[in-house]
Amino acid sequence: MKKIALFILMLAGTSVYAQEKTRTVKKFHAMGSIGMLAGQSPVKPVIQFSSGMLFNKYYTGIGLSFDAYRFISFPLFVEGRMQFGSKREGFIYSGLGYNIPYNGKQSEEDPFATKSKYIGGAYFDVGLGWKPRGHISFSAGFSYKELTNNSTYVYECLIAPCPEEQSHVLYGLGRILAKMSIEIGR
């Protein structure tokens, strides 16, 4: 009987140990990144800042970016990241948000356009990265931004009022992204 009681106590101890919860560690985390965007247009710089919370190997936060590819814009986005590997050196990331045009006007003057305005659109990026040691990481991925140009044209005519012509052009810009980041709060 004593052997059975001792065996039950040993089993109870291992059962309690097996049900022990792992503690979730929450930490503030911020990142600043500089990089290059390349596609059909010339290579242009990108600067990103984001901050949020790191939950063990998962990061989520919000960010703002300066994007000079073809049209200057400021993407506002929500970012997620998952670290992997035995030392959490590798990571995958994605960001989804809205692309805000710089000033809403054309950079090159169109002599026939009486009104011209840029309107923002969708923004996302996705990629892989590597963080060797310390606070610096490197990543590469794909980025996409949308802008719509609404223009009104009035061409000269013999009898006034001259008719207006409206144009709506959607720019969907996909490009390759490579960046280096400095991370704080890991």
C-alpha atoms as a PDB file:
ATOM      1  CA  MET A   1       0.000   0.000   0.000  1.00  0.00           C
ATOM      2  CA  LYS A   2       2.875   2.364   0.810  1.00  0.00           C
ATOM      3  CA  LYS A   3       4.413   1.655  -2.604  1.00  0.00           C
ATOM      4  CA  ILE A   4       1.141   2.572  -4.374  1.00  0.00           C
ATOM      5  CA  ALA A   5       0.813   5.807  -2.359  1.00  0.00           C
ATOM      6  CA  LEU A   6       4.439   6.716  -3.140  1.00  0.00           C
ATOM      7  CA  PHE A   7       3.860   5.951  -6.839  1.00  0.00           C
ATOM      8  CA  ILE A   8       0.721   8.210  -6.892  1.00  0.00           C
ATOM      9  CA  LEU A   9       2.646  11.056  -5.224  1.00  0.00           C
ATOM     10  CA  MET A  10       5.415  10.768  -7.827  1.00  0.00           C
ATOM     11  CA  LEU A  11       2.875  10.804 -10.649  1.00  0.00           C
ATOM     12  CA  ALA A  12       1.112  13.834  -9.154  1.00  0.00           C
ATOM     13  CA  GLY A  13       4.408  15.720  -9.020  1.00  0.00           C
ATOM     14  CA  THR A  14       5.175  15.084 -12.686  1.00  0.00           C
ATOM     15  CA  SER A  15       1.607  15.901 -13.653  1.00  0.00           C
ATOM     16  CA  VAL A  16       1.800  19.279 -11.917  1.00  0.00           C
ATOM     17  CA  TYR A  17       5.156  19.961 -13.583  1.00  0.00           C
ATOM     18  CA  ALA A  18       3.793  19.056 -17.041  1.00  0.00           C
ATOM     19  CA  GLN A  19       0.886  21.498 -16.689  1.00  0.00           C
ATOM     20  CA  GLU A  20       3.076  24.460 -15.778  1.00  0.00           C
ATOM     21  CA  LYS A  21       2.332  27.434 -18.031  1.00  0.00           C
ATOM     22  CA  THR A  22       5.006  29.255 -19.955  1.00  0.00           C
ATOM     23  CA  ARG A  23       5.002  32.911 -19.062  1.00  0.00           C
ATOM     24  CA  THR A  24       4.324  35.409 -21.853  1.00  0.00           C
ATOM     25  CA  VAL A  25       6.876  38.188 -21.843  1.00  0.00           C
ATOM     26  CA  LYS A  26       5.590  41.534 -23.152  1.00  0.00           C
ATOM     27  CA  LYS A  27       8.132  44.186 -24.057  1.00  0.00           C
ATOM     28  CA  PHE A  28       8.037  47.536 -25.807  1.00  0.00           C
ATOM     29  CA  HIS A  29       9.841  47.348 -29.145  1.00  0.00           C
ATOM     30  CA  ALA A  30      10.724  50.083 -31.663  1.00  0.00           C
ATOM     31  CA  MET A  31      12.446  49.947 -35.050  1.00  0.00           C
ATOM     32  CA  GLY A  32      13.979  52.480 -37.391  1.00  0.00           C
ATOM     33  CA  SER A  33      14.871  51.333 -40.918  1.00  0.00           C
ATOM     34  CA  ILE A  34      16.563  52.709 -44.000  1.00  0.00           C
ATOM     35  CA  GLY A  35      16.586  50.952 -47.329  1.00  0.00           C
ATOM     36  CA  MET A  36      16.214  50.976 -51.077  1.00  0.00           C
ATOM     37  CA  LEU A  37      13.248  50.291 -53.358  1.00  0.00           C
ATOM     38  CA  ALA A  38      13.874  48.930 -56.857  1.00  0.00           C
ATOM     39  CA  GLY A  39      11.511  48.149 -59.717  1.00  0.00           C
ATOM     40  CA  GLN A  40      10.868  49.515 -63.204  1.00  0.00           C
ATOM     41  CA  SER A  41      11.579  53.071 -62.020  1.00  0.00           C
ATOM     42  CA  PRO A  42      15.019  54.168 -60.727  1.00  0.00           C
ATOM     43  CA  VAL A  43      16.112  52.957 -57.273  1.00  0.00           C
ATOM     44  CA  LYS A  44      14.784  55.230 -54.509  1.00  0.00           C
ATOM     45  CA  PRO A  45      15.208  55.439 -50.713  1.00  0.00           C
ATOM     46  CA  VAL A  46      12.750  54.380 -48.024  1.00  0.00           C
ATOM     47  CA  ILE A  47      12.778  55.297 -44.313  1.00  0.00           C
ATOM     48  CA  GLN A  48      10.489  53.503 -41.836  1.00  0.00           C
ATOM     49  CA  PHE A  49       9.697  53.867 -38.137  1.00  0.00           C
ATOM     50  CA  SER A  50       7.473  51.519 -36.180  1.00  0.00           C
ATOM     51  CA  SER A  51       6.797  50.754 -32.548  1.00  0.00           C
ATOM     52  CA  GLY A  52       4.700  48.226 -30.713  1.00  0.00           C
ATOM     53  CA  MET A  53       4.849  45.239 -28.405  1.00  0.00           C
ATOM     54  CA  LEU A  54       6.968  42.095 -28.540  1.00  0.00           C
ATOM     55  CA  PHE A  55       5.207  38.985 -27.168  1.00  0.00           C
ATOM     56  CA  ASN A  56       7.852  36.242 -26.896  1.00  0.00           C
ATOM     57  CA  LYS A  57       8.637  35.646 -30.589  1.00  0.00           C
ATOM     58  CA  TYR A  58       5.761  37.729 -32.044  1.00  0.00           C
ATOM     59  CA  TYR A  59       5.836  41.478 -32.679  1.00  0.00           C
ATOM     60  CA  THR A  60       2.940  43.738 -33.595  1.00  0.00           C
ATOM     61  CA  GLY A  61       2.984  47.500 -33.979  1.00  0.00           C
ATOM     62  CA  ILE A  62       2.133  50.546 -36.055  1.00  0.00           C
ATOM     63  CA  GLY A  63       4.447  52.547 -38.258  1.00  0.00           C
ATOM     64  CA  LEU A  64       4.987  55.422 -40.647  1.00  0.00           C
ATOM     65  CA  SER A  65       7.253  55.426 -43.677  1.00  0.00           C
ATOM     66  CA  PHE A  66       8.788  57.890 -46.149  1.00  0.00           C
ATOM     67  CA  ASP A  67       8.593  56.322 -49.614  1.00  0.00           C
ATOM     68  CA  ALA A  68      10.223  58.161 -52.555  1.00  0.00           C
ATOM     69  CA  TYR A  69       9.596  55.514 -55.222  1.00  0.00           C
ATOM     70  CA  ARG A  70       8.137  57.267 -58.307  1.00  0.00           C
ATOM     71  CA  PHE A  71       5.825  59.500 -56.201  1.00  0.00           C
ATOM     72  CA  ILE A  72       6.711  60.744 -52.713  1.00  0.00           C
ATOM     73  CA  SER A  73       4.275  59.321 -50.170  1.00  0.00           C
ATOM     74  CA  PHE A  74       3.911  58.431 -46.497  1.00  0.00           C
ATOM     75  CA  PRO A  75       2.518  54.930 -45.875  1.00  0.00           C
ATOM     76  CA  LEU A  76       0.813  54.460 -42.494  1.00  0.00           C
ATOM     77  CA  PHE A  77       0.725  50.751 -41.608  1.00  0.00           C
ATOM     78  CA  VAL A  78       0.187  47.966 -39.067  1.00  0.00           C
ATOM     79  CA  GLU A  79       3.114  45.573 -38.924  1.00  0.00           C
ATOM     80  CA  GLY A  80       3.488  41.996 -37.722  1.00  0.00           C
ATOM     81  CA  ARG A  81       6.610  39.919 -37.296  1.00  0.00           C
ATOM     82  CA  MET A  82       7.388  36.355 -36.225  1.00  0.00           C
ATOM     83  CA  GLN A  83      10.885  35.319 -35.186  1.00  0.00           C
ATOM     84  CA  PHE A  84      12.161  31.798 -35.769  1.00  0.00           C
ATOM     85  CA  GLY A  85      15.277  29.723 -35.201  1.00  0.00           C
ATOM     86  CA  SER A  86      16.913  28.483 -32.030  1.00  0.00           C
ATOM     87  CA  LYS A  87      18.281  31.953 -31.235  1.00  0.00           C
ATOM     88  CA  ARG A  88      15.438  33.818 -32.980  1.00  0.00           C
ATOM     89  CA  GLU A  89      17.831  35.148 -35.597  1.00  0.00           C
ATOM     90  CA  GLY A  90      15.435  34.798 -38.532  1.00  0.00           C
ATOM     91  CA  PHE A  91      12.063  36.488 -38.968  1.00  0.00           C
ATOM     92  CA  ILE A  92       9.212  36.948 -41.399  1.00  0.00           C
ATOM     93  CA  TYR A  93       7.279  40.196 -41.489  1.00  0.00           C
ATOM     94  CA  SER A  94       4.309  41.829 -43.146  1.00  0.00           C
ATOM     95  CA  GLY A  95       2.766  45.273 -43.098  1.00  0.00           C
ATOM     96  CA  LEU A  96      -0.624  46.470 -44.286  1.00  0.00           C
ATOM     97  CA  GLY A  97      -1.874  50.036 -44.430  1.00  0.00           C
ATOM     98  CA  TYR A  98      -2.808  53.167 -46.343  1.00  0.00           C
ATOM     99  CA  ASN A  99      -0.518  55.163 -48.628  1.00  0.00           C
ATOM    100  CA  ILE A 100      -0.811  58.962 -48.150  1.00  0.00           C
ATOM    101  CA  PRO A 101       0.479  61.103 -51.067  1.00  0.00           C
ATOM    102  CA  TYR A 102       2.959  63.879 -50.228  1.00  0.00           C
ATOM    103  CA  ASN A 103       1.069  67.010 -51.303  1.00  0.00           C
ATOM    104  CA  GLY A 104      -1.660  65.683 -53.562  1.00  0.00           C
ATOM    105  CA  LYS A 105      -0.320  67.628 -56.554  1.00  0.00           C
ATOM    106  CA  GLN A 106       1.557  66.616 -59.660  1.00  0.00           C
ATOM    107  CA  SER A 107       5.323  66.925 -59.515  1.00  0.00           C
ATOM    108  CA  GLU A 108       5.518  67.822 -63.204  1.00  0.00           C
ATOM    109  CA  GLU A 109       3.232  70.552 -64.467  1.00  0.00           C
ATOM    110  CA  ASP A 110       0.780  69.497 -67.176  1.00  0.00           C
ATOM    111  CA  PRO A 111      -0.019  72.570 -69.294  1.00  0.00           C
ATOM    112  CA  PHE A 112      -3.512  71.321 -70.163  1.00  0.00           C
ATOM    113  CA  ALA A 113      -4.606  70.127 -66.711  1.00  0.00           C
ATOM    114  CA  THR A 114      -6.788  72.661 -64.888  1.00  0.00           C
ATOM    115  CA  LYS A 115      -7.098  70.420 -61.821  1.00  0.00           C
ATOM    116  CA  SER A 116      -4.854  67.553 -60.800  1.00  0.00           C
ATOM    117  CA  LYS A 117      -4.875  65.705 -57.493  1.00  0.00           C
ATOM    118  CA  TYR A 118      -3.324  62.515 -56.160  1.00  0.00           C
ATOM    119  CA  ILE A 119      -5.333  60.307 -53.816  1.00  0.00           C
ATOM    120  CA  GLY A 120      -3.780  57.604 -51.630  1.00  0.00           C
ATOM    121  CA  GLY A 121      -4.483  53.898 -51.750  1.00  0.00           C
ATOM    122  CA  ALA A 122      -3.467  50.506 -50.426  1.00  0.00           C
ATOM    123  CA  TYR A 123      -0.003  49.716 -49.090  1.00  0.00           C
ATOM    124  CA  PHE A 124       1.602  46.431 -48.062  1.00  0.00           C
ATOM    125  CA  ASP A 125       4.992  44.816 -47.705  1.00  0.00           C
ATOM    126  CA  VAL A 126       6.098  41.293 -46.884  1.00  0.00           C
ATOM    127  CA  GLY A 127       9.514  39.687 -46.526  1.00  0.00           C
ATOM    128  CA  LEU A 128      12.217  37.759 -44.673  1.00  0.00           C
ATOM    129  CA  GLY A 129      14.931  39.018 -42.403  1.00  0.00           C
ATOM    130  CA  TRP A 130      17.953  38.111 -40.337  1.00  0.00           C
ATOM    131  CA  LYS A 131      19.134  39.554 -37.039  1.00  0.00           C
ATOM    132  CA  PRO A 132      22.644  38.278 -36.274  1.00  0.00           C
ATOM    133  CA  ARG A 133      23.347  39.873 -32.866  1.00  0.00           C
ATOM    134  CA  GLY A 134      22.803  43.138 -31.101  1.00  0.00           C
ATOM    135  CA  HIS A 135      20.275  45.652 -32.337  1.00  0.00           C
ATOM    136  CA  ILE A 136      20.806  45.582 -36.128  1.00  0.00           C
ATOM    137  CA  SER A 137      18.758  43.489 -38.563  1.00  0.00           C
ATOM    138  CA  PHE A 138      18.672  43.051 -42.347  1.00  0.00           C
ATOM    139  CA  SER A 139      15.629  42.214 -44.446  1.00  0.00           C
ATOM    140  CA  ALA A 140      14.453  41.864 -48.040  1.00  0.00           C
ATOM    141  CA  GLY A 141      10.971  41.597 -49.451  1.00  0.00           C
ATOM    142  CA  PHE A 142       8.266  42.871 -51.754  1.00  0.00           C
ATOM    143  CA  SER A 143       6.415  46.160 -51.311  1.00  0.00           C
ATOM    144  CA  TYR A 144       3.339  47.564 -53.086  1.00  0.00           C
ATOM    145  CA  LYS A 145       1.698  50.994 -53.026  1.00  0.00           C
ATOM    146  CA  GLU A 146      -1.244  52.546 -54.862  1.00  0.00           C
ATOM    147  CA  LEU A 147      -1.942  56.126 -55.880  1.00  0.00           C
ATOM    148  CA  THR A 148      -4.760  57.498 -58.017  1.00  0.00           C
ATOM    149  CA  ASN A 149      -4.373  60.646 -60.124  1.00  0.00           C
ATOM    150  CA  ASN A 150      -7.601  62.545 -60.870  1.00  0.00           C
ATOM    151  CA  SER A 151      -7.117  65.244 -63.511  1.00  0.00           C
ATOM    152  CA  THR A 152      -9.455  67.615 -65.325  1.00  0.00           C
ATOM    153  CA  TYR A 153      -8.450  68.972 -68.731  1.00  0.00           C
ATOM    154  CA  VAL A 154      -9.894  71.896 -70.647  1.00  0.00           C
ATOM    155  CA  TYR A 155      -8.689  72.186 -74.225  1.00  0.00           C
ATOM    156  CA  GLU A 156      -9.031  75.370 -76.210  1.00  0.00           C
ATOM    157  CA  CYS A 157     -12.080  75.589 -78.437  1.00  0.00           C
ATOM    158  CA  LEU A 158     -13.688  78.173 -80.714  1.00  0.00           C
ATOM    159  CA  ILE A 159     -16.994  78.523 -78.843  1.00  0.00           C
ATOM    160  CA  ALA A 160     -17.070  78.933 -75.062  1.00  0.00           C
ATOM    161  CA  PRO A 161     -17.627  77.178 -72.669  1.00  0.00           C
ATOM    162  CA  CYS A 162     -15.033  74.615 -73.638  1.00  0.00           C
ATOM    163  CA  PRO A 163     -15.821  71.006 -72.619  1.00  0.00           C
ATOM    164  CA  GLU A 164     -13.940  69.407 -69.705  1.00  0.00           C
ATOM    165  CA  GLU A 165     -12.374  65.990 -69.901  1.00  0.00           C
ATOM    166  CA  GLN A 166     -11.669  63.980 -66.756  1.00  0.00           C
ATOM    167  CA  SER A 167      -8.965  61.381 -66.347  1.00  0.00           C
ATOM    168  CA  HIS A 168      -8.522  58.828 -63.530  1.00  0.00           C
ATOM    169  CA  VAL A 169      -5.219  56.927 -63.520  1.00  0.00           C
ATOM    170  CA  LEU A 170      -4.491  54.233 -60.911  1.00  0.00           C
ATOM    171  CA  TYR A 171      -0.795  53.630 -60.251  1.00  0.00           C
ATOM    172  CA  GLY A 172      -0.065  50.228 -58.698  1.00  0.00           C
ATOM    173  CA  LEU A 173       3.660  50.123 -57.921  1.00  0.00           C
ATOM    174  CA  GLY A 174       5.191  46.782 -56.969  1.00  0.00           C
ATOM    175  CA  ARG A 175       8.890  46.811 -56.075  1.00  0.00           C
ATOM    176  CA  ILE A 176      11.690  44.923 -54.323  1.00  0.00           C
ATOM    177  CA  LEU A 177      12.663  46.235 -50.884  1.00  0.00           C
ATOM    178  CA  ALA A 178      15.990  45.817 -49.046  1.00  0.00           C
ATOM    179  CA  LYS A 179      16.517  47.489 -45.679  1.00  0.00           C
ATOM    180  CA  MET A 180      18.670  47.651 -42.565  1.00  0.00           C
ATOM    181  CA  SER A 181      16.989  48.264 -39.208  1.00  0.00           C
ATOM    182  CA  ILE A 182      18.034  49.353 -35.751  1.00  0.00           C
ATOM    183  CA  GLU A 183      15.868  47.779 -33.063  1.00  0.00           C
ATOM    184  CA  ILE A 184      15.317  49.024 -29.514  1.00  0.00           C
ATOM    185  CA  GLY A 185      13.708  47.094 -26.674  1.00  0.00           C
ATOM    186  CA  ARG A 186      14.534  43.485 -27.339  1.00  0.00           C
END
